[in-house]
């Protein structure tokens, strides 16, 4: 019985690998990959701040979070602006 279960698990892993292999990969330069990682990190930070802002009651804490949010949005716009300067690296990027 264990062999049957194991072979099904292997079969599922192989099917998953073949599905992943059929998706074409974009080749990014090191700078483009670093920029994409930075933008994604900033977007995650922005999401966390939005969640904290929704839960915050203290006006001073809200003001601090709003300032941090504005700073993150400015940084994201700056990095997204770099992407428009390099149109090849921005094609196919999903939001």
N, C-alpha and C. Protein backbone atom coordinates (compact mmCIF):
# COMPACT_ATOMS: atom_id res chain seq x y z
N UNK A 1 0.82 -1.18 0.00
CA UNK A 1 0.00 0.00 0.00
C UNK A 1 0.87 1.26 0.00
N UNK A 2 1.95 1.25 0.75
CA UNK A 2 2.82 2.42 0.80
C UNK A 2 3.45 2.70 -0.56
N UNK A 3 3.78 1.65 -1.30
CA UNK A 3 4.38 1.87 -2.62
C UNK A 3 3.40 2.55 -3.55
N UNK A 4 2.15 2.15 -3.50
CA UNK A 4 1.14 2.77 -4.37
C UNK A 4 0.97 4.25 -4.06
N UNK A 5 0.92 4.58 -2.79
CA UNK A 5 0.78 5.98 -2.39
C UNK A 5 2.00 6.78 -2.82
N UNK A 6 3.18 6.19 -2.63
CA UNK A 6 4.42 6.87 -3.00
C UNK A 6 4.47 7.12 -4.50
N UNK A 7 4.08 6.14 -5.30
CA UNK A 7 4.14 6.32 -6.75
C UNK A 7 3.14 7.38 -7.21
N UNK A 8 1.99 7.49 -6.54
CA UNK A 8 1.04 8.54 -6.88
C UNK A 8 1.60 9.91 -6.54
N UNK A 9 2.30 10.01 -5.43
CA UNK A 9 2.92 11.28 -5.06
C UNK A 9 3.99 11.67 -6.07
N UNK A 10 4.78 10.71 -6.50
CA UNK A 10 5.81 10.98 -7.51
C UNK A 10 5.16 11.40 -8.81
N UNK A 11 4.10 10.73 -9.19
CA UNK A 11 3.38 11.07 -10.42
C UNK A 11 2.84 12.50 -10.35
N UNK A 12 2.30 12.89 -9.22
CA UNK A 12 1.78 14.25 -9.04
C UNK A 12 2.91 15.27 -9.13
N UNK A 13 4.06 14.95 -8.53
CA UNK A 13 5.20 15.86 -8.59
C UNK A 13 5.70 16.01 -10.02
N UNK A 14 5.72 14.93 -10.77
CA UNK A 14 6.16 15.00 -12.16
C UNK A 14 5.19 15.81 -13.00
N UNK A 15 3.90 15.65 -12.77
CA UNK A 15 2.91 16.42 -13.51
C UNK A 15 3.05 17.91 -13.20
N UNK A 16 3.28 18.23 -11.93
CA UNK A 16 3.46 19.62 -11.53
C UNK A 16 4.72 20.20 -12.17
N UNK A 17 5.78 19.44 -12.20
CA UNK A 17 7.04 19.91 -12.80
C UNK A 17 6.87 20.14 -14.29
N UNK A 18 6.14 19.28 -14.97
CA UNK A 18 5.96 19.47 -16.41
C UNK A 18 5.08 20.69 -16.69
N UNK A 19 4.11 20.99 -15.82
CA UNK A 19 3.30 22.19 -15.99
C UNK A 19 4.15 23.43 -15.80
N UNK A 20 5.01 23.42 -14.81
CA UNK A 20 5.89 24.57 -14.57
C UNK A 20 6.87 24.74 -15.71
N UNK A 21 7.32 23.65 -16.29
CA UNK A 21 8.28 23.71 -17.38
C UNK A 21 7.69 24.27 -18.65
N UNK A 22 6.37 24.21 -18.82
CA UNK A 22 5.76 24.69 -20.05
C UNK A 22 5.59 26.21 -20.06
N UNK A 23 5.75 26.87 -18.90
CA UNK A 23 5.63 28.31 -18.83
C UNK A 23 6.96 28.93 -19.23
N UNK A 24 6.97 29.81 -20.25
CA UNK A 24 8.24 30.42 -20.65
C UNK A 24 8.75 31.36 -19.56
N UNK A 25 10.04 31.31 -19.32
CA UNK A 25 10.66 32.16 -18.31
C UNK A 25 11.30 33.36 -18.98
N UNK A 26 11.14 34.52 -18.34
CA UNK A 26 11.81 35.72 -18.83
C UNK A 26 13.23 35.71 -18.25
N UNK A 27 14.16 36.08 -19.07
CA UNK A 27 15.53 36.19 -18.59
C UNK A 27 15.77 37.65 -18.26
N UNK A 28 16.05 37.92 -17.00
CA UNK A 28 16.27 39.27 -16.53
C UNK A 28 17.74 39.49 -16.25
N UNK A 29 18.15 40.72 -16.43
CA UNK A 29 19.50 41.06 -16.02
C UNK A 29 19.52 41.09 -14.50
N UNK A 30 20.69 41.09 -13.94
CA UNK A 30 20.81 41.12 -12.48
C UNK A 30 20.19 42.40 -11.92
N UNK A 31 20.37 43.51 -12.62
CA UNK A 31 19.80 44.78 -12.16
C UNK A 31 18.27 44.76 -12.20
N UNK A 32 17.71 44.20 -13.27
CA UNK A 32 16.25 44.11 -13.38
C UNK A 32 15.67 43.19 -12.31
N UNK A 33 16.34 42.08 -12.06
CA UNK A 33 15.87 41.14 -11.03
C UNK A 33 15.92 41.80 -9.65
N UNK A 34 16.97 42.55 -9.38
CA UNK A 34 17.10 43.24 -8.10
C UNK A 34 16.01 44.30 -7.96
N UNK A 35 15.72 45.01 -9.04
CA UNK A 35 14.68 46.04 -9.01
C UNK A 35 13.31 45.40 -8.75
N UNK A 36 13.03 44.28 -9.42
CA UNK A 36 11.75 43.60 -9.20
C UNK A 36 11.61 43.10 -7.77
N UNK A 37 12.71 42.58 -7.19
CA UNK A 37 12.67 42.14 -5.80
C UNK A 37 12.43 43.32 -4.87
N UNK A 38 13.07 44.45 -5.16
CA UNK A 38 12.90 45.63 -4.33
C UNK A 38 11.47 46.14 -4.39
N UNK A 39 10.89 46.19 -5.58
CA UNK A 39 9.51 46.65 -5.73
C UNK A 39 8.56 45.72 -4.99
N UNK A 40 8.77 44.42 -5.13
CA UNK A 40 7.90 43.46 -4.45
C UNK A 40 8.01 43.60 -2.93
N UNK A 41 9.21 43.81 -2.43
CA UNK A 41 9.39 44.02 -1.00
C UNK A 41 8.69 45.28 -0.51
N UNK A 42 8.78 46.35 -1.31
CA UNK A 42 8.11 47.59 -0.95
C UNK A 42 6.59 47.43 -0.97
N UNK A 43 6.10 46.68 -1.94
CA UNK A 43 4.64 46.44 -2.01
C UNK A 43 4.15 45.62 -0.83
N UNK A 44 4.94 44.66 -0.40
CA UNK A 44 4.57 43.88 0.78
C UNK A 44 4.58 44.76 2.04
N UNK A 45 5.57 45.63 2.14
CA UNK A 45 5.62 46.56 3.28
C UNK A 45 4.42 47.50 3.25
N UNK A 46 4.06 47.95 2.06
CA UNK A 46 2.90 48.84 1.90
C UNK A 46 1.63 48.14 2.37
N UNK A 47 1.48 46.88 1.98
CA UNK A 47 0.30 46.11 2.39
C UNK A 47 0.23 45.96 3.90
N UNK A 48 1.37 45.69 4.53
CA UNK A 48 1.42 45.55 5.98
C UNK A 48 1.04 46.86 6.67
N UNK A 49 1.54 47.98 6.14
CA UNK A 49 1.22 49.28 6.73
C UNK A 49 -0.27 49.59 6.56
N UNK A 50 -0.84 49.25 5.41
CA UNK A 50 -2.27 49.46 5.21
C UNK A 50 -3.10 48.66 6.23
N UNK A 51 -2.67 47.45 6.52
CA UNK A 51 -3.37 46.63 7.51
C UNK A 51 -3.25 47.25 8.90
N UNK A 52 -2.06 47.74 9.23
CA UNK A 52 -1.86 48.37 10.53
C UNK A 52 -2.67 49.66 10.63
N UNK A 53 -2.74 50.40 9.53
CA UNK A 53 -3.49 51.64 9.51
C UNK A 53 -4.97 51.39 9.72
N UNK A 54 -5.49 50.32 9.14
CA UNK A 54 -6.90 49.97 9.30
C UNK A 54 -7.22 49.61 10.75
N UNK A 55 -6.24 49.05 11.45
CA UNK A 55 -6.48 48.61 12.83
C UNK A 55 -6.11 49.67 13.86
N UNK A 56 -5.41 50.70 13.46
CA UNK A 56 -4.89 51.68 14.41
C UNK A 56 -5.98 52.65 14.88
N UNK A 57 -5.96 52.96 16.17
CA UNK A 57 -6.90 53.90 16.78
C UNK A 57 -6.19 55.20 17.19
N UNK A 58 -4.93 55.08 17.53
CA UNK A 58 -4.16 56.22 18.05
C UNK A 58 -3.82 57.19 16.91
N UNK A 59 -4.22 58.46 17.02
CA UNK A 59 -3.95 59.43 15.95
C UNK A 59 -2.46 59.62 15.66
N UNK A 60 -1.62 59.55 16.70
CA UNK A 60 -0.18 59.71 16.47
C UNK A 60 0.39 58.53 15.70
N UNK A 61 -0.07 57.35 16.03
CA UNK A 61 0.39 56.15 15.32
C UNK A 61 -0.11 56.17 13.87
N UNK A 62 -1.35 56.59 13.67
CA UNK A 62 -1.91 56.70 12.31
C UNK A 62 -1.09 57.69 11.48
N UNK A 63 -0.72 58.83 12.09
CA UNK A 63 0.06 59.83 11.37
C UNK A 63 1.42 59.26 10.96
N UNK A 64 2.05 58.51 11.86
CA UNK A 64 3.33 57.88 11.55
C UNK A 64 3.17 56.88 10.40
N UNK A 65 2.11 56.07 10.48
CA UNK A 65 1.86 55.08 9.42
C UNK A 65 1.57 55.76 8.08
N UNK A 66 0.82 56.85 8.10
CA UNK A 66 0.52 57.58 6.86
C UNK A 66 1.80 58.13 6.24
N UNK A 67 2.71 58.62 7.07
CA UNK A 67 4.00 59.10 6.56
C UNK A 67 4.82 57.98 5.96
N UNK A 68 4.83 56.83 6.63
CA UNK A 68 5.56 55.66 6.11
C UNK A 68 4.94 55.19 4.80
N UNK A 69 3.61 55.22 4.73
CA UNK A 69 2.91 54.81 3.51
C UNK A 69 3.26 55.74 2.35
N UNK A 70 3.27 57.04 2.60
CA UNK A 70 3.62 58.01 1.56
C UNK A 70 5.05 57.78 1.08
N UNK A 71 5.96 57.51 2.01
CA UNK A 71 7.35 57.25 1.65
C UNK A 71 7.48 56.00 0.78
N UNK A 72 6.77 54.92 1.17
CA UNK A 72 6.82 53.68 0.39
C UNK A 72 6.25 53.89 -1.01
N UNK A 73 5.14 54.61 -1.10
CA UNK A 73 4.52 54.84 -2.41
C UNK A 73 5.45 55.65 -3.31
N UNK A 74 6.17 56.61 -2.73
CA UNK A 74 7.14 57.38 -3.50
C UNK A 74 8.27 56.49 -4.01
N UNK A 75 8.76 55.60 -3.16
CA UNK A 75 9.83 54.69 -3.57
C UNK A 75 9.35 53.72 -4.66
N UNK A 76 8.11 53.24 -4.52
CA UNK A 76 7.56 52.34 -5.54
C UNK A 76 7.44 53.06 -6.87
N UNK A 77 6.93 54.29 -6.84
CA UNK A 77 6.82 55.07 -8.08
C UNK A 77 8.19 55.28 -8.71
N UNK A 78 9.18 55.53 -7.88
CA UNK A 78 10.53 55.73 -8.40
C UNK A 78 11.08 54.49 -9.07
N UNK A 79 10.86 53.35 -8.46
CA UNK A 79 11.34 52.09 -9.06
C UNK A 79 10.52 51.71 -10.28
N UNK A 80 9.20 51.96 -10.26
CA UNK A 80 8.37 51.69 -11.43
C UNK A 80 8.76 52.63 -12.56
N UNK A 81 9.19 53.84 -12.22
CA UNK A 81 9.66 54.78 -13.23
C UNK A 81 10.92 54.26 -13.91
N UNK A 82 11.77 53.55 -13.15
CA UNK A 82 12.95 52.94 -13.74
C UNK A 82 12.55 51.88 -14.75
N UNK A 83 11.45 51.19 -14.49
CA UNK A 83 10.99 50.14 -15.40
C UNK A 83 10.53 50.74 -16.72
N UNK A 84 9.89 51.92 -16.67
CA UNK A 84 9.43 52.53 -17.91
C UNK A 84 10.61 53.08 -18.72
N UNK A 85 11.72 53.35 -18.04
CA UNK A 85 12.92 53.78 -18.75
C UNK A 85 13.55 52.62 -19.51
N UNK A 86 13.25 51.38 -19.06
CA UNK A 86 13.74 50.16 -19.70
C UNK A 86 12.53 49.33 -20.12
N UNK A 87 11.88 49.68 -21.26
CA UNK A 87 10.63 49.00 -21.61
C UNK A 87 10.76 47.50 -21.79
N UNK A 88 11.92 47.00 -22.20
CA UNK A 88 12.08 45.57 -22.40
C UNK A 88 11.93 44.81 -21.09
N UNK A 89 12.42 45.39 -19.99
CA UNK A 89 12.37 44.70 -18.71
C UNK A 89 10.98 44.75 -18.10
N UNK A 90 10.12 45.68 -18.54
CA UNK A 90 8.79 45.80 -17.97
C UNK A 90 7.75 44.97 -18.70
N UNK A 91 8.07 44.49 -19.91
CA UNK A 91 7.07 43.75 -20.64
C UNK A 91 6.80 42.42 -19.97
N UNK A 92 5.52 42.09 -19.91
CA UNK A 92 5.13 40.85 -19.29
C UNK A 92 5.03 40.90 -17.78
N UNK A 93 5.36 42.03 -17.18
CA UNK A 93 5.28 42.14 -15.72
C UNK A 93 3.83 42.27 -15.33
N UNK A 94 3.41 41.48 -14.35
CA UNK A 94 2.02 41.51 -13.91
C UNK A 94 1.90 42.27 -12.63
N UNK A 95 0.78 42.95 -12.44
CA UNK A 95 0.53 43.70 -11.21
C UNK A 95 -0.60 43.11 -10.47
